[in-house]
Amino acid sequence: MKNLILSLTAIIALALAETTLAQSNNDKVEQFIQDTCEEIIGSEIQNDLAQVCREARDGPVFGNAGSVGASETTSNVAAYLKRRAIEKREKEEGEQTGGGASADAQLGRLGIFANLAYLDGKRDTTELENGFDISQFGLTLGSDYRYNNQLFAGAAIGYFQTENTFNQTQNTLDSDAGNLDSDNLSLTVFSNYIIQDNLSVDGYLSFGNLSYDSTRRVATGTINENATASYDGQQFALGAAGNYAHYVKSWTLSGIAKLDYISTDIDAYSETGGGGLNFSYEKQTIDSFTSKLGVQASYAWSQSWGVILPQGRLHYIHEFSNDSRAVESALVLAPQYTLTLNTDKPDRDYFIGGIGASAVMPGGMQAFIDFEFLRGHSYLSTWTAAAGLRWEI
């Protein structure tokens, strides 16, 4: 389950990042507001927007309106296969199975686990989209059950809290350019099937509820305000993977092929505040379909109290979907004035690597620590630290 949660965390982070950036294009926003206000002022219209436009014009600079903010094998199967591999190795080496690494290796049918993860990273500024710093905290609680020596199934509840802080712009050098905070509560169900000791397949379904709070700094003319909004979204994800392991004495060499699909719907919403220069946004849908090909190596290091398994991995990711999108928006005070903002095209190919260690202990307990990093991406660079425990009953 550990790798599934980390994979979902990365996918969700990328989806949220795409959502956050969907409304940048600062030059386009600036030009849109300037042209709209010049047209309104020139026609001598007297309304709320006309007054806002005069305030925006009468400052030292009619400038930028600010940044527009708006799995693999589950832990149960992994534990089961690790213990079977350890016992097999010890038997081959002539060790007694009643002591040391596999003492009391009674494989419980019910597993309970808890994982914590923290993600940190940044998104570079491009011609179309603002850069930002991202941080995310995640907690996952779940349980799985071994029906027999081949079939496993379980469920997990995950909570992810994400904060995105936008890079400062030329008109927000002394203040924040804006931010987007989000909460994601998800339910994931999963199942695994062991074809043989070194070959398994698995799949999952996940449903999530999203809530967002955005702040956009509006600094133009005499206006220096925050435009804010709160809105919701929904997320659906599914995936399947095949895992192959080759055992060489204390070493385990593994390969994985995986497909993930995630769809995120963001409800339509309108900003308030912002000195009257508020925008409304149409509903957005973001689809991502990725493949993963990777390798992993781990070593079983026997101790008197159990077995430590350090491991390293490298995965190649390819994005098939998630094309550049057009986000429709309009001024709240004058909805007839519309603006279309375009997002960057996705980076199609990048890598995710990681190192970590797990400990298999008597009494049905396991613990792990893990460090994962995203590299080779055109816009994003992130790292994730995770730790967790599981008990078998």
Protein backbone atom coordinates (compact mmCIF):
# COMPACT_ATOMS: atom_id res chain seq x y z
CA MET A 1 0.00 0.00 0.00
CA LYS A 2 2.94 2.30 0.61
CA ASN A 3 3.84 2.64 -3.07
CA LEU A 4 0.20 3.04 -4.07
CA ILE A 5 -0.25 5.97 -1.69
CA LEU A 6 2.99 7.61 -2.82
CA SER A 7 1.97 7.21 -6.46
CA LEU A 8 -1.46 8.70 -5.80
CA THR A 9 0.16 11.53 -3.86
CA ALA A 10 2.34 12.41 -6.82
CA ILE A 11 -0.55 12.20 -9.27
CA ILE A 12 -2.81 14.31 -7.08
CA ALA A 13 -0.05 16.87 -6.60
CA LEU A 14 0.40 17.14 -10.36
CA ALA A 15 -3.36 17.44 -10.95
CA LEU A 16 -3.69 20.13 -8.30
CA ALA A 17 -0.70 21.96 -9.72
CA GLU A 18 -2.32 21.96 -13.17
CA THR A 19 -5.56 23.26 -11.64
CA THR A 20 -3.76 25.99 -9.74
CA LEU A 21 -1.92 27.21 -12.79
CA ALA A 22 -4.89 27.14 -15.11
CA GLN A 23 -5.52 30.82 -14.56
CA SER A 24 -2.12 32.49 -14.76
CA ASN A 25 -1.15 34.20 -18.05
CA ASN A 26 -0.46 37.49 -16.31
CA ASP A 27 0.30 39.47 -19.48
CA LYS A 28 -2.98 38.35 -21.02
CA VAL A 29 -4.94 39.24 -17.86
CA GLU A 30 -3.27 42.66 -17.69
CA GLN A 31 -4.01 43.45 -21.32
CA PHE A 32 -7.61 42.21 -20.96
CA ILE A 33 -8.31 44.47 -17.96
CA GLN A 34 -6.59 47.42 -19.59
CA ASP A 35 -8.53 47.09 -22.87
CA THR A 36 -11.84 46.49 -21.07
CA CYS A 37 -11.40 49.49 -18.77
CA GLU A 38 -10.34 51.80 -21.60
CA GLU A 39 -13.47 50.81 -23.53
CA ILE A 40 -15.74 51.40 -20.51
CA ILE A 41 -14.15 54.72 -19.53
CA GLY A 42 -14.14 55.89 -23.14
CA SER A 43 -17.88 55.23 -23.47
CA GLU A 44 -18.54 57.29 -20.30
CA ILE A 45 -20.54 54.44 -18.78
CA GLN A 46 -21.35 55.08 -15.11
CA ASN A 47 -21.45 51.86 -13.14
CA ASP A 48 -19.50 49.93 -10.51
CA LEU A 49 -16.99 48.60 -13.00
CA ALA A 50 -16.37 52.08 -14.44
CA GLN A 51 -15.46 53.35 -10.96
CA VAL A 52 -13.16 50.36 -10.43
CA CYS A 53 -11.48 51.05 -13.76
CA ARG A 54 -10.88 54.70 -12.83
CA GLU A 55 -9.24 53.61 -9.57
CA ALA A 56 -7.09 51.17 -11.47
CA ARG A 57 -6.12 53.82 -14.04
CA ASP A 58 -5.43 56.69 -11.62
CA GLY A 59 -2.49 55.04 -9.88
CA PRO A 60 1.18 55.52 -10.82
CA VAL A 61 1.05 52.49 -13.14
CA PHE A 62 -1.84 50.85 -14.91
CA GLY A 63 -0.09 47.56 -14.50
CA ASN A 64 -0.29 43.88 -13.87
CA ALA A 65 -3.50 42.74 -12.18
CA GLY A 66 -1.53 40.24 -10.16
CA SER A 67 -1.17 36.52 -10.56
CA VAL A 68 -4.50 34.87 -11.19
CA GLY A 69 -4.60 32.14 -8.58
CA ALA A 70 -7.24 30.41 -8.65
CA SER A 71 -0.30 1.43 -7.24
CA GLU A 72 1.74 -0.93 -7.05
CA THR A 73 1.89 -4.00 -4.74
CA THR A 74 0.06 -3.25 -1.49
CA SER A 75 1.72 -3.63 1.89
CA ASN A 76 -0.09 -6.87 2.67
CA VAL A 77 1.19 -8.60 -0.46
CA ALA A 78 4.63 -7.04 -0.07
CA ALA A 79 4.88 -8.27 3.53
CA TYR A 80 3.64 -11.72 2.57
CA LEU A 81 6.11 -12.11 -0.31
CA LYS A 82 8.99 -10.69 1.73
CA ARG A 83 8.47 -13.20 4.51
CA ARG A 84 8.08 -16.11 2.13
CA ALA A 85 11.28 -15.08 0.32
CA ILE A 86 13.17 -14.72 3.61
CA GLU A 87 12.04 -18.14 4.82
CA LYS A 88 12.93 -19.73 1.50
CA ARG A 89 16.40 -18.20 1.57
CA GLU A 90 17.03 -19.33 5.15
CA LYS A 91 15.91 -22.85 4.41
CA GLU A 92 18.22 -22.96 1.38
CA GLU A 93 21.09 -21.78 3.58
CA GLY A 94 20.29 -24.44 6.17
CA GLU A 95 19.22 -22.00 8.89
CA GLN A 96 16.49 -22.93 11.35
CA THR A 97 13.28 -21.09 10.69
CA GLY A 98 12.44 -20.81 14.40
CA GLY A 99 15.00 -18.12 15.20
CA GLY A 100 16.32 -14.81 13.91
CA ALA A 101 14.78 -13.17 10.94
CA SER A 102 11.64 -15.24 10.49
CA ALA A 103 10.87 -16.09 14.09
CA ASP A 104 7.14 -16.50 14.64
CA ALA A 105 6.48 -15.86 10.97
CA GLN A 106 2.80 -16.55 11.39
CA LEU A 107 1.27 -14.71 8.50
CA GLY A 108 -1.85 -12.99 9.81
CA ARG A 109 -4.78 -12.63 7.45
CA LEU A 110 -5.80 -9.12 8.55
CA GLY A 111 -3.46 -6.16 8.17
CA ILE A 112 -3.87 -2.63 9.56
CA PHE A 113 -1.63 0.20 8.40
CA ALA A 114 -0.99 3.92 8.90
CA ASN A 115 1.20 6.06 6.61
CA LEU A 116 2.38 9.68 6.78
CA ALA A 117 3.82 11.58 3.81
CA TYR A 118 5.13 15.08 3.21
CA LEU A 119 5.75 16.51 -0.26
CA ASP A 120 7.69 19.69 -1.06
CA GLY A 121 8.56 21.23 -4.39
CA LYS A 122 8.25 24.06 -6.86
CA ARG A 123 6.88 24.86 -10.29
CA ASP A 124 8.90 27.08 -12.63
CA THR A 125 7.38 30.18 -14.18
CA THR A 126 6.70 29.91 -17.92
CA GLU A 127 5.36 32.24 -20.57
CA LEU A 128 1.82 31.01 -19.90
CA GLU A 129 1.77 30.12 -16.23
CA ASN A 130 3.00 31.46 -12.89
CA GLY A 131 5.52 29.54 -10.88
CA PHE A 132 4.74 28.52 -7.31
CA ASP A 133 6.02 26.66 -4.28
CA ILE A 134 4.04 23.60 -3.22
CA SER A 135 3.85 21.66 0.04
CA GLN A 136 1.55 18.75 0.84
CA PHE A 137 0.86 16.68 3.94
CA GLY A 138 -0.89 13.31 3.70
CA LEU A 139 -2.25 10.76 6.17
CA THR A 140 -3.52 7.33 5.12
CA LEU A 141 -5.28 4.78 7.31
CA GLY A 142 -6.40 1.42 5.99
CA SER A 143 -6.81 -2.29 6.29
CA ASP A 144 -6.36 -5.30 4.02
CA TYR A 145 -7.27 -8.98 4.23
CA ARG A 146 -5.64 -12.14 2.85
CA TYR A 147 -8.39 -14.47 1.72
CA ASN A 148 -5.92 -17.20 0.75
CA ASN A 149 -2.31 -17.49 -0.39
CA GLN A 150 -3.13 -15.69 -3.63
CA LEU A 151 -5.96 -13.17 -3.19
CA PHE A 152 -5.80 -9.95 -1.15
CA ALA A 153 -8.21 -6.99 -0.89
CA GLY A 154 -8.53 -3.88 1.24
CA ALA A 155 -9.53 -0.25 1.58
CA ALA A 156 -7.92 2.99 2.77
CA ILE A 157 -8.98 6.51 3.69
CA GLY A 158 -6.57 9.29 2.75
CA TYR A 159 -6.43 12.95 3.70
CA PHE A 160 -4.15 15.32 1.79
CA GLN A 161 -3.67 19.02 2.58
CA THR A 162 -1.90 21.07 -0.10
CA GLU A 163 -0.60 24.65 -0.08
CA ASN A 164 0.55 26.47 -3.23
CA THR A 165 2.19 29.90 -2.92
CA PHE A 166 2.55 31.82 -6.19
CA ASN A 167 5.76 33.56 -7.19
CA GLN A 168 5.81 37.32 -6.78
CA THR A 169 5.18 39.49 -9.83
CA GLN A 170 6.48 42.92 -10.77
CA ASN A 171 3.59 44.62 -8.95
CA THR A 172 3.60 42.38 -5.87
CA LEU A 173 7.24 42.60 -4.84
CA ASP A 174 6.33 43.66 -1.30
CA SER A 175 3.42 41.27 -0.82
CA ASP A 176 2.28 37.78 -1.63
CA ALA A 177 1.17 37.19 -5.21
CA GLY A 178 -1.50 34.79 -3.99
CA ASN A 179 -2.01 31.22 -2.91
CA LEU A 180 -4.25 28.20 -3.31
CA ASP A 181 -4.98 25.85 -0.39
CA SER A 182 -6.79 22.58 -0.94
CA ASP A 183 -8.02 19.57 1.03
CA ASN A 184 -8.58 16.14 -0.49
CA LEU A 185 -10.44 13.38 1.36
CA SER A 186 -10.35 10.11 -0.57
CA LEU A 187 -11.48 6.50 -0.32
CA THR A 188 -9.42 3.85 -2.14
CA VAL A 189 -10.31 0.18 -2.60
CA PHE A 190 -7.72 -2.24 -3.94
CA SER A 191 -7.09 -5.91 -4.68
CA ASN A 192 -4.06 -8.07 -5.46
CA TYR A 193 -3.57 -11.49 -6.93
CA ILE A 194 -0.36 -13.54 -6.61
CA ILE A 195 0.05 -15.64 -9.74
CA GLN A 196 3.20 -17.25 -8.34
CA ASP A 197 5.84 -16.30 -5.78
CA ASN A 198 7.60 -13.86 -8.09
CA LEU A 199 4.64 -12.57 -10.13
CA SER A 200 1.61 -10.59 -9.00
CA VAL A 201 -0.98 -8.18 -10.39
CA ASP A 202 -3.06 -5.53 -8.63
CA GLY A 203 -5.59 -2.79 -9.21
CA TYR A 204 -7.35 0.05 -7.37
CA LEU A 205 -10.24 2.50 -7.53
CA SER A 206 -10.20 5.84 -5.70
CA PHE A 207 -12.83 8.53 -5.12
CA GLY A 208 -11.98 11.93 -3.67
CA ASN A 209 -13.73 15.09 -2.56
CA LEU A 210 -11.77 18.34 -3.04
CA SER A 211 -12.20 21.76 -1.45
CA TYR A 212 -10.23 24.86 -2.43
CA ASP A 213 -9.54 28.31 -0.97
CA SER A 214 -7.78 30.71 -3.34
CA THR A 215 -6.32 34.19 -2.89
CA ARG A 216 -5.21 36.35 -5.83
CA ARG A 217 -3.34 39.57 -5.22
CA VAL A 218 -4.71 42.47 -7.30
CA ALA A 219 -2.22 45.34 -7.45
CA THR A 220 -2.92 47.90 -10.17
CA GLY A 221 -3.31 51.66 -9.98
CA THR A 222 -4.63 52.60 -6.55
CA ILE A 223 -6.10 49.13 -6.06
CA ASN A 224 -4.16 46.81 -3.76
CA GLU A 225 -6.58 44.08 -2.68
CA ASN A 226 -7.02 40.32 -2.41
CA ALA A 227 -9.53 38.52 -4.60
CA THR A 228 -10.67 35.35 -2.82
CA ALA A 229 -12.81 32.33 -3.64
CA SER A 230 -13.88 29.00 -2.13
CA TYR A 231 -15.04 26.16 -4.33
CA ASP A 232 -15.19 22.37 -4.57
CA GLY A 233 -14.17 19.53 -6.85
CA GLN A 234 -14.28 15.80 -7.28
CA GLN A 235 -11.64 13.29 -8.25
CA PHE A 236 -11.75 9.75 -9.63
CA ALA A 237 -8.74 7.50 -10.15
CA LEU A 238 -8.08 3.92 -11.17
CA GLY A 239 -5.01 1.91 -11.99
CA ALA A 240 -3.55 -1.54 -12.57
CA ALA A 241 -0.03 -2.95 -12.36
CA GLY A 242 2.01 -6.07 -12.90
CA ASN A 243 4.97 -6.86 -10.65
CA TYR A 244 7.77 -9.36 -11.24
CA ALA A 245 10.47 -10.24 -8.69
CA HIS A 246 13.68 -12.23 -9.12
CA TYR A 247 15.42 -13.55 -5.99
CA VAL A 248 19.20 -13.96 -5.87
CA LYS A 249 20.25 -15.05 -2.38
CA SER A 250 19.61 -11.99 -0.17
CA TRP A 251 18.77 -9.75 -3.12
CA THR A 252 15.38 -9.09 -4.68
CA LEU A 253 15.29 -7.49 -8.12
CA SER A 254 11.86 -6.32 -9.24
CA GLY A 255 10.25 -4.86 -12.34
CA ILE A 256 6.90 -3.07 -12.62
CA ALA A 257 4.57 -1.99 -15.42
CA LYS A 258 1.68 0.23 -14.36
CA LEU A 259 -1.16 2.33 -15.80
CA ASP A 260 -2.93 5.15 -13.91
CA TYR A 261 -5.92 7.25 -14.92
CA ILE A 262 -7.13 10.23 -12.90
CA SER A 263 -9.96 12.67 -13.65
CA THR A 264 -10.47 15.88 -11.67
CA ASP A 265 -13.59 18.07 -11.97
CA ILE A 266 -13.41 21.63 -10.59
CA ASP A 267 -16.74 23.39 -10.01
CA ALA A 268 -17.45 26.82 -11.51
CA TYR A 269 -16.80 29.68 -9.08
CA SER A 270 -16.53 33.46 -8.71
CA GLU A 271 -14.09 35.63 -6.77
CA THR A 272 -15.02 38.30 -4.24
CA GLY A 273 -12.98 41.26 -2.99
CA GLY A 274 -10.16 42.27 -5.29
CA GLY A 275 -11.24 45.91 -5.49
CA GLY A 276 -13.94 44.91 -7.97
CA LEU A 277 -11.54 43.30 -10.47
CA ASN A 278 -12.91 39.84 -9.74
CA PHE A 279 -13.22 36.96 -12.18
CA SER A 280 -15.66 34.11 -12.54
CA TYR A 281 -14.48 30.78 -13.94
CA GLU A 282 -16.28 28.03 -15.82
CA LYS A 283 -16.20 24.39 -14.71
CA GLN A 284 -12.91 22.64 -15.46
CA THR A 285 -12.09 18.99 -16.13
CA ILE A 286 -8.52 17.67 -16.00
CA ASP A 287 -7.71 14.16 -17.24
CA SER A 288 -4.38 12.40 -16.79
CA PHE A 289 -3.40 8.97 -18.12
CA THR A 290 0.11 7.79 -17.34
CA SER A 291 2.22 4.67 -17.73
CA LYS A 292 5.04 3.65 -15.43
CA LEU A 293 7.94 1.33 -16.15
CA GLY A 294 10.42 0.78 -13.37
CA VAL A 295 12.95 -1.35 -11.56
CA GLN A 296 13.68 -1.83 -7.87
CA ALA A 297 16.39 -3.61 -5.90
CA SER A 298 16.27 -4.58 -2.21
CA TYR A 299 18.56 -6.51 0.12
CA ALA A 300 17.50 -8.67 3.08
CA TRP A 301 19.80 -7.89 6.01
CA SER A 302 19.12 -10.34 8.84
CA GLN A 303 19.25 -9.16 12.44
CA SER A 304 18.58 -10.93 15.75
CA TRP A 305 15.25 -9.09 16.05
CA GLY A 306 14.12 -9.26 12.42
CA VAL A 307 15.13 -8.30 8.90
CA ILE A 308 16.02 -4.86 7.49
CA LEU A 309 15.35 -4.39 3.77
CA PRO A 310 17.01 -1.29 2.25
CA GLN A 311 15.84 -0.61 -1.31
CA GLY A 312 16.24 1.74 -4.24
CA ARG A 313 14.08 2.26 -7.34
CA LEU A 314 13.75 4.26 -10.54
CA HIS A 315 10.57 4.66 -12.60
CA TYR A 316 10.02 6.19 -16.03
CA ILE A 317 6.67 8.00 -16.41
CA HIS A 318 4.90 8.84 -19.67
CA GLU A 319 1.82 11.09 -19.85
CA PHE A 320 -0.62 10.20 -22.65
CA SER A 321 -3.35 12.74 -21.89
CA ASN A 322 -3.63 16.02 -19.96
CA ASP A 323 -3.27 18.28 -23.00
CA SER A 324 -3.11 22.06 -22.89
CA ARG A 325 -6.47 23.40 -21.78
CA ALA A 326 -8.44 26.60 -22.38
CA VAL A 327 -9.99 28.02 -19.19
CA GLU A 328 -12.95 30.35 -19.72
CA SER A 329 -13.35 33.34 -17.38
CA ALA A 330 -15.18 36.68 -17.22
CA LEU A 331 -15.31 39.83 -15.13
CA VAL A 332 -17.90 39.43 -12.36
CA LEU A 333 -19.13 43.03 -12.74
CA ALA A 334 -19.37 42.73 -16.52
CA PRO A 335 -19.79 39.07 -17.56
CA GLN A 336 -20.08 40.09 -21.22
CA TYR A 337 -16.33 40.69 -21.14
CA THR A 338 -14.82 37.20 -21.35
CA LEU A 339 -11.25 35.98 -21.28
CA THR A 340 -9.74 32.62 -22.31
CA LEU A 341 -6.55 31.53 -20.55
CA ASN A 342 -4.40 28.71 -21.92
CA THR A 343 -2.29 26.31 -19.89
CA ASP A 344 1.09 24.86 -20.78
CA LYS A 345 1.28 21.55 -22.57
CA PRO A 346 2.19 18.75 -20.15
CA ASP A 347 5.63 17.29 -19.87
CA ARG A 348 5.21 13.89 -21.50
CA ASP A 349 8.25 12.12 -20.02
CA TYR A 350 9.98 12.29 -16.65
CA PHE A 351 11.37 10.09 -13.86
CA ILE A 352 10.51 9.23 -10.26
CA GLY A 353 13.25 7.72 -8.11
CA GLY A 354 13.41 6.69 -4.49
CA ILE A 355 15.37 5.12 -1.67
CA GLY A 356 14.12 3.71 1.61
CA ALA A 357 14.12 0.82 4.03
CA SER A 358 11.58 -1.43 5.72
CA ALA A 359 11.87 -3.71 8.73
CA VAL A 360 10.09 -7.05 9.04
CA MET A 361 9.78 -8.00 12.71
CA PRO A 362 8.35 -10.94 14.65
CA GLY A 363 4.78 -10.62 15.85
CA GLY A 364 3.41 -9.40 12.53
CA MET A 365 4.81 -5.85 12.62
CA GLN A 366 6.46 -3.86 9.84
CA ALA A 367 7.80 -0.33 9.60
CA PHE A 368 9.17 1.70 6.70
CA ILE A 369 10.76 5.02 5.82
CA ASP A 370 11.02 6.30 2.27
CA PHE A 371 12.32 9.25 0.25
CA GLU A 372 11.06 9.85 -3.29
CA PHE A 373 11.98 12.53 -5.85
CA LEU A 374 10.64 13.77 -9.19
CA ARG A 375 13.27 14.62 -11.80
CA GLY A 376 13.53 15.35 -15.51
CA HIS A 377 10.24 17.27 -15.56
CA SER A 378 10.15 20.49 -17.59
CA TYR A 379 8.20 22.48 -14.98
CA LEU A 380 8.09 20.59 -11.69
CA SER A 381 10.63 19.34 -9.16
CA THR A 382 9.41 17.67 -5.94
CA TRP A 383 10.52 15.37 -3.19
CA THR A 384 8.43 13.27 -0.81
CA ALA A 385 9.33 11.82 2.58
CA ALA A 386 7.11 9.06 4.00
CA ALA A 387 6.96 6.71 6.97
CA GLY A 388 4.50 4.09 8.12
CA LEU A 389 3.61 1.11 10.28
CA ARG A 390 1.51 -1.99 9.73
CA TRP A 391 0.33 -4.80 11.97
CA GLU A 392 -0.82 -8.27 11.00
CA ILE A 393 -3.50 -9.92 13.10
